PDB file of all heavy atoms in Angstrom:
ATOM      1  N   THR A   1       1.919 -12.964  -8.379  1.00  0.00           N
ATOM      2  CA  THR A   1       2.939 -12.281  -9.214  1.00  0.00           C
ATOM      3  C   THR A   1       2.554 -12.115 -10.646  1.00  0.00           C
ATOM      4  O   THR A   1       3.311 -11.514 -11.441  1.00  0.00           O
ATOM      5  CB  THR A   1       4.270 -13.086  -9.168  1.00  0.00           C
ATOM      6  OG1 THR A   1       4.010 -14.400  -9.717  1.00  0.00           O
ATOM      7  CG2 THR A   1       4.792 -13.233  -7.736  1.00  0.00           C
ATOM      8  N   THR A   2       1.360 -12.547 -11.023  1.00  0.00           N
ATOM      9  CA  THR A   2       0.980 -12.434 -12.423  1.00  0.00           C
ATOM     10  C   THR A   2       0.904 -10.976 -12.870  1.00  0.00           C
ATOM     11  O   THR A   2       1.105 -10.660 -14.048  1.00  0.00           O
ATOM     12  CB  THR A   2      -0.395 -13.118 -12.660  1.00  0.00           C
ATOM     13  OG1 THR A   2      -1.351 -12.507 -11.822  1.00  0.00           O
ATOM     14  CG2 THR A   2      -0.330 -14.578 -12.404  1.00  0.00           C
ATOM     15  N   GLY A   3       0.603 -10.098 -11.962  1.00  0.00           N
ATOM     16  CA  GLY A   3       0.475  -8.696 -12.315  1.00  0.00           C
ATOM     17  C   GLY A   3       1.790  -8.040 -12.683  1.00  0.00           C
ATOM     18  O   GLY A   3       1.836  -7.017 -13.320  1.00  0.00           O
ATOM     19  N   LEU A   4       2.925  -8.646 -12.271  1.00  0.00           N
ATOM     20  CA  LEU A   4       4.222  -8.050 -12.574  1.00  0.00           C
ATOM     21  C   LEU A   4       4.519  -7.995 -14.064  1.00  0.00           C
ATOM     22  O   LEU A   4       5.243  -7.154 -14.554  1.00  0.00           O
ATOM     23  CB  LEU A   4       5.335  -8.835 -11.874  1.00  0.00           C
ATOM     24  CG  LEU A   4       5.324  -8.806 -10.364  1.00  0.00           C
ATOM     25  CD1 LEU A   4       6.434  -9.696  -9.797  1.00  0.00           C
ATOM     26  CD2 LEU A   4       5.492  -7.381  -9.872  1.00  0.00           C
ATOM     27  N   ALA A   5       3.856  -8.888 -14.816  1.00  0.00           N
ATOM     28  CA  ALA A   5       4.096  -8.938 -16.255  1.00  0.00           C
ATOM     29  C   ALA A   5       3.481  -7.740 -16.972  1.00  0.00           C
ATOM     30  O   ALA A   5       3.831  -7.456 -18.107  1.00  0.00           O
ATOM     31  CB  ALA A   5       3.523 -10.236 -16.848  1.00  0.00           C
ATOM     32  N   VAL A   6       2.574  -7.051 -16.325  1.00  0.00           N
ATOM     33  CA  VAL A   6       1.899  -5.943 -16.984  1.00  0.00           C
ATOM     34  C   VAL A   6       2.244  -4.572 -16.302  1.00  0.00           C
ATOM     35  O   VAL A   6       1.561  -3.617 -16.497  1.00  0.00           O
ATOM     36  CB  VAL A   6       0.367  -6.139 -16.977  1.00  0.00           C
ATOM     37  CG1 VAL A   6       0.009  -7.333 -17.828  1.00  0.00           C
ATOM     38  CG2 VAL A   6      -0.192  -6.319 -15.549  1.00  0.00           C
ATOM     39  N   LEU A   7       3.337  -4.556 -15.565  1.00  0.00           N
ATOM     40  CA  LEU A   7       3.737  -3.283 -14.970  1.00  0.00           C
ATOM     41  C   LEU A   7       4.039  -2.263 -16.015  1.00  0.00           C
ATOM     42  O   LEU A   7       4.611  -2.567 -17.084  1.00  0.00           O
ATOM     43  CB  LEU A   7       4.995  -3.482 -14.083  1.00  0.00           C
ATOM     44  CG  LEU A   7       4.808  -4.212 -12.755  1.00  0.00           C
ATOM     45  CD1 LEU A   7       6.149  -4.346 -12.077  1.00  0.00           C
ATOM     46  CD2 LEU A   7       3.854  -3.459 -11.877  1.00  0.00           C
ATOM     47  N   LYS A   8       3.606  -1.029 -15.755  1.00  0.00           N
ATOM     48  CA  LYS A   8       3.827   0.046 -16.690  1.00  0.00           C
ATOM     49  C   LYS A   8       4.849   1.010 -16.110  1.00  0.00           C
ATOM     50  O   LYS A   8       4.995   1.104 -14.896  1.00  0.00           O
ATOM     51  CB  LYS A   8       2.530   0.786 -16.968  1.00  0.00           C
ATOM     52  CG  LYS A   8       1.405  -0.128 -17.511  1.00  0.00           C
ATOM     53  CD  LYS A   8       0.134   0.665 -17.647  1.00  0.00           C
ATOM     54  CE  LYS A   8      -1.004  -0.221 -18.119  1.00  0.00           C
ATOM     55  NZ  LYS A   8      -2.283   0.515 -18.194  1.00  0.00           N
ATOM     56  N   LYS A   9       5.507   1.695 -16.976  1.00  0.00           N
ATOM     57  CA  LYS A   9       6.472   2.684 -16.481  1.00  0.00           C
ATOM     58  C   LYS A   9       5.775   3.801 -15.676  1.00  0.00           C
ATOM     59  O   LYS A   9       6.408   4.465 -14.853  1.00  0.00           O
ATOM     60  CB  LYS A   9       7.218   3.313 -17.650  1.00  0.00           C
ATOM     61  CG  LYS A   9       8.156   2.309 -18.378  1.00  0.00           C
ATOM     62  CD  LYS A   9       8.901   2.998 -19.501  1.00  0.00           C
ATOM     63  CE  LYS A   9       9.816   2.012 -20.210  1.00  0.00           C
ATOM     64  NZ  LYS A   9      10.564   2.649 -21.323  1.00  0.00           N
ATOM     65  N   THR A  10       4.495   3.949 -15.938  1.00  0.00           N
ATOM     66  CA  THR A  10       3.764   4.987 -15.236  1.00  0.00           C
ATOM     67  C   THR A  10       3.178   4.539 -13.914  1.00  0.00           C
ATOM     68  O   THR A  10       2.515   5.337 -13.227  1.00  0.00           O
ATOM     69  CB  THR A  10       2.645   5.543 -16.122  1.00  0.00           C
ATOM     70  OG1 THR A  10       1.793   4.442 -16.507  1.00  0.00           O
ATOM     71  CG2 THR A  10       3.191   6.229 -17.375  1.00  0.00           C
ATOM     72  N   ASP A  11       3.319   3.258 -13.567  1.00  0.00           N
ATOM     73  CA  ASP A  11       2.776   2.751 -12.277  1.00  0.00           C
ATOM     74  C   ASP A  11       3.451   3.472 -11.132  1.00  0.00           C
ATOM     75  O   ASP A  11       4.684   3.703 -11.146  1.00  0.00           O
ATOM     76  CB  ASP A  11       2.997   1.251 -12.167  1.00  0.00           C
ATOM     77  CG  ASP A  11       1.966   0.464 -12.979  1.00  0.00           C
ATOM     78  OD1 ASP A  11       0.911   1.035 -13.293  1.00  0.00           O
ATOM     79  OD2 ASP A  11       2.243  -0.712 -13.273  1.00  0.00           O
ATOM     80  N   LEU A  12       2.677   3.838 -10.145  1.00  0.00           N
ATOM     81  CA  LEU A  12       3.202   4.521  -8.946  1.00  0.00           C
ATOM     82  C   LEU A  12       3.211   3.485  -7.805  1.00  0.00           C
ATOM     83  O   LEU A  12       2.388   2.613  -7.704  1.00  0.00           O
ATOM     84  CB  LEU A  12       2.281   5.683  -8.586  1.00  0.00           C
ATOM     85  CG  LEU A  12       2.092   6.735  -9.688  1.00  0.00           C
ATOM     86  CD1 LEU A  12       1.118   7.818  -9.166  1.00  0.00           C
ATOM     87  CD2 LEU A  12       3.401   7.368 -10.101  1.00  0.00           C
ATOM     88  N   PHE A  13       4.193   3.646  -6.937  1.00  0.00           N
ATOM     89  CA  PHE A  13       4.377   2.707  -5.849  1.00  0.00           C
ATOM     90  C   PHE A  13       4.574   3.464  -4.534  1.00  0.00           C
ATOM     91  O   PHE A  13       5.027   4.563  -4.455  1.00  0.00           O
ATOM     92  CB  PHE A  13       5.633   1.841  -6.096  1.00  0.00           C
ATOM     93  CG  PHE A  13       5.503   0.857  -7.197  1.00  0.00           C
ATOM     94  CD1 PHE A  13       5.731   1.235  -8.510  1.00  0.00           C
ATOM     95  CD2 PHE A  13       5.145  -0.475  -6.938  1.00  0.00           C
ATOM     96  CE1 PHE A  13       5.601   0.327  -9.561  1.00  0.00           C
ATOM     97  CE2 PHE A  13       5.019  -1.378  -7.968  1.00  0.00           C
ATOM     98  CZ  PHE A  13       5.235  -0.982  -9.293  1.00  0.00           C
ATOM     99  N   THR A  14       4.221   2.732  -3.457  1.00  0.00           N
ATOM    100  CA  THR A  14       4.596   3.154  -2.112  1.00  0.00           C
ATOM    101  C   THR A  14       5.418   1.996  -1.528  1.00  0.00           C
ATOM    102  O   THR A  14       5.908   1.143  -2.279  1.00  0.00           O
ATOM    103  CB  THR A  14       3.375   3.493  -1.237  1.00  0.00           C
ATOM    104  OG1 THR A  14       3.814   3.923   0.016  1.00  0.00           O
ATOM    105  CG2 THR A  14       2.439   2.305  -1.109  1.00  0.00           C
ATOM    106  N   ASP A  15       5.581   1.955  -0.208  1.00  0.00           N
ATOM    107  CA  ASP A  15       6.266   0.805   0.408  1.00  0.00           C
ATOM    108  C   ASP A  15       5.598   0.523   1.730  1.00  0.00           C
ATOM    109  O   ASP A  15       4.730   1.242   2.217  1.00  0.00           O
ATOM    110  CB  ASP A  15       7.757   1.022   0.563  1.00  0.00           C
ATOM    111  CG  ASP A  15       8.111   2.194   1.490  1.00  0.00           C
ATOM    112  OD1 ASP A  15       7.205   2.646   2.249  1.00  0.00           O
ATOM    113  OD2 ASP A  15       9.263   2.629   1.481  1.00  0.00           O
ATOM    114  N   SER A  16       5.976  -0.581   2.358  1.00  0.00           N
ATOM    115  CA  SER A  16       5.351  -1.005   3.574  1.00  0.00           C
ATOM    116  C   SER A  16       5.557  -0.034   4.713  1.00  0.00           C
ATOM    117  O   SER A  16       4.683   0.159   5.557  1.00  0.00           O
ATOM    118  CB  SER A  16       5.825  -2.445   3.997  1.00  0.00           C
ATOM    119  OG  SER A  16       7.206  -2.411   4.238  1.00  0.00           O
ATOM    120  N   SER A  17       6.721   0.597   4.737  1.00  0.00           N
ATOM    121  CA  SER A  17       6.996   1.547   5.799  1.00  0.00           C
ATOM    122  C   SER A  17       6.019   2.744   5.752  1.00  0.00           C
ATOM    123  O   SER A  17       5.504   3.189   6.773  1.00  0.00           O
ATOM    124  CB  SER A  17       8.440   2.085   5.700  1.00  0.00           C
ATOM    125  OG  SER A  17       9.359   1.052   5.905  1.00  0.00           O
ATOM    126  N   PHE A  18       5.767   3.218   4.563  1.00  0.00           N
ATOM    127  CA  PHE A  18       4.876   4.344   4.425  1.00  0.00           C
ATOM    128  C   PHE A  18       3.450   3.916   4.726  1.00  0.00           C
ATOM    129  O   PHE A  18       2.685   4.673   5.371  1.00  0.00           O
ATOM    130  CB  PHE A  18       4.954   4.950   3.000  1.00  0.00           C
ATOM    131  CG  PHE A  18       4.275   6.282   2.896  1.00  0.00           C
ATOM    132  CD1 PHE A  18       4.990   7.441   3.121  1.00  0.00           C
ATOM    133  CD2 PHE A  18       2.930   6.400   2.601  1.00  0.00           C
ATOM    134  CE1 PHE A  18       4.385   8.705   3.053  1.00  0.00           C
ATOM    135  CE2 PHE A  18       2.299   7.622   2.517  1.00  0.00           C
ATOM    136  CZ  PHE A  18       3.042   8.781   2.749  1.00  0.00           C
ATOM    137  N   VAL A  19       3.040   2.721   4.309  1.00  0.00           N
ATOM    138  CA  VAL A  19       1.680   2.249   4.604  1.00  0.00           C
ATOM    139  C   VAL A  19       1.510   2.173   6.077  1.00  0.00           C
ATOM    140  O   VAL A  19       0.483   2.619   6.652  1.00  0.00           O
ATOM    141  CB  VAL A  19       1.438   0.880   3.922  1.00  0.00           C
ATOM    142  CG1 VAL A  19       0.134   0.262   4.456  1.00  0.00           C
ATOM    143  CG2 VAL A  19       1.407   1.006   2.415  1.00  0.00           C
ATOM    144  N   GLU A  20       2.487   1.587   6.790  1.00  0.00           N
ATOM    145  CA  GLU A  20       2.391   1.447   8.241  1.00  0.00           C
ATOM    146  C   GLU A  20       2.401   2.802   8.956  1.00  0.00           C
ATOM    147  O   GLU A  20       1.694   3.016   9.908  1.00  0.00           O
ATOM    148  CB  GLU A  20       3.537   0.580   8.789  1.00  0.00           C
ATOM    149  CG  GLU A  20       3.421  -0.885   8.418  1.00  0.00           C
ATOM    150  CD  GLU A  20       2.149  -1.523   8.836  1.00  0.00           C
ATOM    151  OE1 GLU A  20       1.535  -1.068   9.858  1.00  0.00           O
ATOM    152  OE2 GLU A  20       1.686  -2.462   8.187  1.00  0.00           O
ATOM    153  N   SER A  21       3.201   3.714   8.410  1.00  0.00           N
ATOM    154  CA  SER A  21       3.242   5.069   8.997  1.00  0.00           C
ATOM    155  C   SER A  21       1.872   5.755   8.881  1.00  0.00           C
ATOM    156  O   SER A  21       1.389   6.383   9.830  1.00  0.00           O
ATOM    157  CB  SER A  21       4.313   5.882   8.297  1.00  0.00           C
ATOM    158  OG  SER A  21       4.307   7.233   8.770  1.00  0.00           O
ATOM    159  N   TRP A  22       1.295   5.609   7.702  1.00  0.00           N
ATOM    160  CA  TRP A  22      -0.007   6.251   7.488  1.00  0.00           C
ATOM    161  C   TRP A  22      -1.068   5.629   8.370  1.00  0.00           C
ATOM    162  O   TRP A  22      -1.851   6.313   8.991  1.00  0.00           O
ATOM    163  CB  TRP A  22      -0.420   6.113   6.002  1.00  0.00           C
ATOM    164  CG  TRP A  22      -1.624   6.892   5.642  1.00  0.00           C
ATOM    165  CD1 TRP A  22      -1.649   8.174   5.146  1.00  0.00           C
ATOM    166  CD2 TRP A  22      -3.000   6.507   5.786  1.00  0.00           C
ATOM    167  NE1 TRP A  22      -2.952   8.587   4.940  1.00  0.00           N
ATOM    168  CE2 TRP A  22      -3.808   7.573   5.343  1.00  0.00           C
ATOM    169  CE3 TRP A  22      -3.617   5.358   6.235  1.00  0.00           C
ATOM    170  CZ2 TRP A  22      -5.200   7.499   5.324  1.00  0.00           C
ATOM    171  CZ3 TRP A  22      -4.999   5.283   6.239  1.00  0.00           C
ATOM    172  CH2 TRP A  22      -5.790   6.357   5.788  1.00  0.00           C
ATOM    173  N   LEU A  23      -1.112   4.308   8.446  1.00  0.00           N
ATOM    174  CA  LEU A  23      -2.078   3.622   9.256  1.00  0.00           C
ATOM    175  C   LEU A  23      -1.910   3.956  10.733  1.00  0.00           C
ATOM    176  O   LEU A  23      -2.894   4.062  11.489  1.00  0.00           O
ATOM    177  CB  LEU A  23      -2.006   2.092   9.046  1.00  0.00           C
ATOM    178  CG  LEU A  23      -2.455   1.571   7.698  1.00  0.00           C
ATOM    179  CD1 LEU A  23      -2.132   0.090   7.558  1.00  0.00           C
ATOM    180  CD2 LEU A  23      -3.959   1.822   7.478  1.00  0.00           C
ATOM    181  N   GLY A  24      -0.654   4.099  11.135  1.00  0.00           N
ATOM    182  CA  GLY A  24      -0.410   4.454  12.537  1.00  0.00           C
ATOM    183  C   GLY A  24      -0.839   5.853  12.905  1.00  0.00           C
ATOM    184  O   GLY A  24      -1.139   6.132  14.059  1.00  0.00           O
ATOM    185  N   ALA A  25      -0.884   6.737  11.932  1.00  0.00           N
ATOM    186  CA  ALA A  25      -1.276   8.126  12.192  1.00  0.00           C
ATOM    187  C   ALA A  25      -2.755   8.374  12.132  1.00  0.00           C
ATOM    188  O   ALA A  25      -3.261   9.401  12.552  1.00  0.00           O
ATOM    189  CB  ALA A  25      -0.573   9.047  11.198  1.00  0.00           C
ATOM    190  N   GLN A  26      -3.489   7.419  11.598  1.00  0.00           N
ATOM    191  CA  GLN A  26      -4.936   7.553  11.396  1.00  0.00           C
ATOM    192  C   GLN A  26      -5.737   6.633  12.327  1.00  0.00           C
ATOM    193  O   GLN A  26      -5.282   5.545  12.666  1.00  0.00           O
ATOM    194  CB  GLN A  26      -5.330   7.239   9.981  1.00  0.00           C
ATOM    195  CG  GLN A  26      -4.558   8.053   8.927  1.00  0.00           C
ATOM    196  CD  GLN A  26      -4.735   9.556   9.118  1.00  0.00           C
ATOM    197  OE1 GLN A  26      -5.867  10.018   9.343  1.00  0.00           O
ATOM    198  NE2 GLN A  26      -3.657  10.290   9.012  1.00  0.00           N
ATOM    199  N   ARG A  27      -6.920   7.068  12.692  1.00  0.00           N
ATOM    200  CA  ARG A  27      -7.831   6.234  13.493  1.00  0.00           C
ATOM    201  C   ARG A  27      -8.645   5.376  12.546  1.00  0.00           C
ATOM    202  O   ARG A  27      -9.801   5.693  12.252  1.00  0.00           O
ATOM    203  CB  ARG A  27      -8.712   7.108  14.360  1.00  0.00           C
ATOM    204  CG  ARG A  27      -8.016   7.730  15.555  1.00  0.00           C
ATOM    205  CD  ARG A  27      -8.698   8.974  16.049  1.00  0.00           C
ATOM    206  NE  ARG A  27     -10.146   8.776  16.266  1.00  0.00           N
ATOM    207  CZ  ARG A  27     -11.025   9.775  16.248  1.00  0.00           C
ATOM    208  NH1 ARG A  27     -10.593  11.000  16.038  1.00  0.00           N
ATOM    209  NH2 ARG A  27     -12.285   9.538  16.480  1.00  0.00           N
ATOM    210  N   VAL A  28      -8.014   4.347  12.029  1.00  0.00           N
ATOM    211  CA  VAL A  28      -8.641   3.467  11.087  1.00  0.00           C
ATOM    212  C   VAL A  28      -9.160   2.206  11.809  1.00  0.00           C
ATOM    213  O   VAL A  28      -8.460   1.645  12.623  1.00  0.00           O
ATOM    214  CB  VAL A  28      -7.661   3.041   9.963  1.00  0.00           C
ATOM    215  CG1 VAL A  28      -8.339   2.131   8.955  1.00  0.00           C
ATOM    216  CG2 VAL A  28      -7.074   4.270   9.302  1.00  0.00           C
ATOM    217  N   ASP A  29     -10.361   1.765  11.481  1.00  0.00           N
ATOM    218  CA  ASP A  29     -10.880   0.593  12.190  1.00  0.00           C
ATOM    219  C   ASP A  29     -10.046  -0.634  11.858  1.00  0.00           C
ATOM    220  O   ASP A  29      -9.369  -0.712  10.829  1.00  0.00           O
ATOM    221  CB  ASP A  29     -12.378   0.377  11.825  1.00  0.00           C
ATOM    222  CG  ASP A  29     -12.572  -0.252  10.477  1.00  0.00           C
ATOM    223  OD1 ASP A  29     -12.524  -1.485  10.415  1.00  0.00           O
ATOM    224  OD2 ASP A  29     -12.772   0.509   9.500  1.00  0.00           O
ATOM    225  N   SER A  30     -10.080  -1.612  12.763  1.00  0.00           N
ATOM    226  CA  SER A  30      -9.162  -2.739  12.684  1.00  0.00           C
ATOM    227  C   SER A  30      -9.329  -3.558  11.400  1.00  0.00           C
ATOM    228  O   SER A  30      -8.354  -4.017  10.812  1.00  0.00           O
ATOM    229  CB  SER A  30      -9.321  -3.640  13.896  1.00  0.00           C
ATOM    230  OG  SER A  30     -10.655  -4.114  14.013  1.00  0.00           O
ATOM    231  N   LEU A  31     -10.607  -3.759  10.963  1.00  0.00           N
ATOM    232  CA  LEU A  31     -10.831  -4.540   9.756  1.00  0.00           C
ATOM    233  C   LEU A  31     -10.219  -3.812   8.529  1.00  0.00           C
ATOM    234  O   LEU A  31      -9.608  -4.455   7.678  1.00  0.00           O
ATOM    235  CB  LEU A  31     -12.323  -4.779   9.566  1.00  0.00           C
ATOM    236  CG  LEU A  31     -12.976  -5.727  10.584  1.00  0.00           C
ATOM    237  CD1 LEU A  31     -14.457  -5.819  10.328  1.00  0.00           C
ATOM    238  CD2 LEU A  31     -12.313  -7.103  10.562  1.00  0.00           C
ATOM    239  N   ALA A  32     -10.471  -2.530   8.420  1.00  0.00           N
ATOM    240  CA  ALA A  32      -9.930  -1.763   7.301  1.00  0.00           C
ATOM    241  C   ALA A  32      -8.410  -1.704   7.352  1.00  0.00           C
ATOM    242  O   ALA A  32      -7.728  -1.747   6.346  1.00  0.00           O
ATOM    243  CB  ALA A  32     -10.502  -0.369   7.272  1.00  0.00           C
ATOM    244  N   ARG A  33      -7.856  -1.635   8.576  1.00  0.00           N
ATOM    245  CA  ARG A  33      -6.394  -1.631   8.732  1.00  0.00           C
ATOM    246  C   ARG A  33      -5.761  -2.883   8.198  1.00  0.00           C
ATOM    247  O   ARG A  33      -4.792  -2.868   7.427  1.00  0.00           O
ATOM    248  CB  ARG A  33      -6.070  -1.413  10.219  1.00  0.00           C
ATOM    249  CG  ARG A  33      -4.572  -1.269  10.524  1.00  0.00           C
ATOM    250  CD  ARG A  33      -4.378  -1.256  12.019  1.00  0.00           C
ATOM    251  NE  ARG A  33      -5.101  -0.170  12.650  1.00  0.00           N
ATOM    252  CZ  ARG A  33      -4.682   1.080  12.724  1.00  0.00           C
ATOM    253  NH1 ARG A  33      -3.488   1.392  12.257  1.00  0.00           N
ATOM    254  NH2 ARG A  33      -5.410   2.012  13.306  1.00  0.00           N
ATOM    255  N   ILE A  34      -6.321  -4.018   8.598  1.00  0.00           N
ATOM    256  CA  ILE A  34      -5.788  -5.311   8.166  1.00  0.00           C
ATOM    257  C   ILE A  34      -5.928  -5.455   6.645  1.00  0.00           C
ATOM    258  O   ILE A  34      -4.997  -5.885   5.957  1.00  0.00           O
ATOM    259  CB  ILE A  34      -6.528  -6.462   8.879  1.00  0.00           C
ATOM    260  CG1 ILE A  34      -6.152  -6.444  10.362  1.00  0.00           C
ATOM    261  CG2 ILE A  34      -6.162  -7.827   8.277  1.00  0.00           C
ATOM    262  CD1 ILE A  34      -7.026  -7.376  11.214  1.00  0.00           C
TER     263      ILE A  34
END
């Protein structure tokens, strides 16, 4: 959590649902997926 102290207003975020959706749609090798 140390990085939370330096969050900028310009930081961009995604969420776990989108990450999982993207990984599910791509043929990504298991090590890179994890």
